[in-house]
């Protein structure tokens, strides 16, 4: 069984979900449920993947689905703090621009504050 852990924190009005471990076919359903539930609970979701050791195509599919769901409902979603394997997967698939990855959770919340000003 693939190991995966997660945590949640709030930064102002942004729910920050942190994943740790492998995001792959073994964790696909769990990650999907976790992220869709998180998006249902907030209008702003930041995803910290800095501790993700592996991201396969099923994990990428989860991120694209989440992005589409957020965009379709007028919610804000960003991938923040990505590990080297995650950055590689996003770059190779040319999804880094779509998912608007930013270097840190703090940057994502700063961007929101600036956009609101």
Foldseek 3Di string as FASTA:
>chain_A
DWDKDWDWDDDPQEIEIEMAGEDDPVCLVVVLVVLVVVVVVGLHYEYAAQRYPAYDPSNVVSLVVSLVVSVVVVGHYAYEHHHPNVVVVCVVVVNCVVRVYDHHPVVVVVVVVVVVD
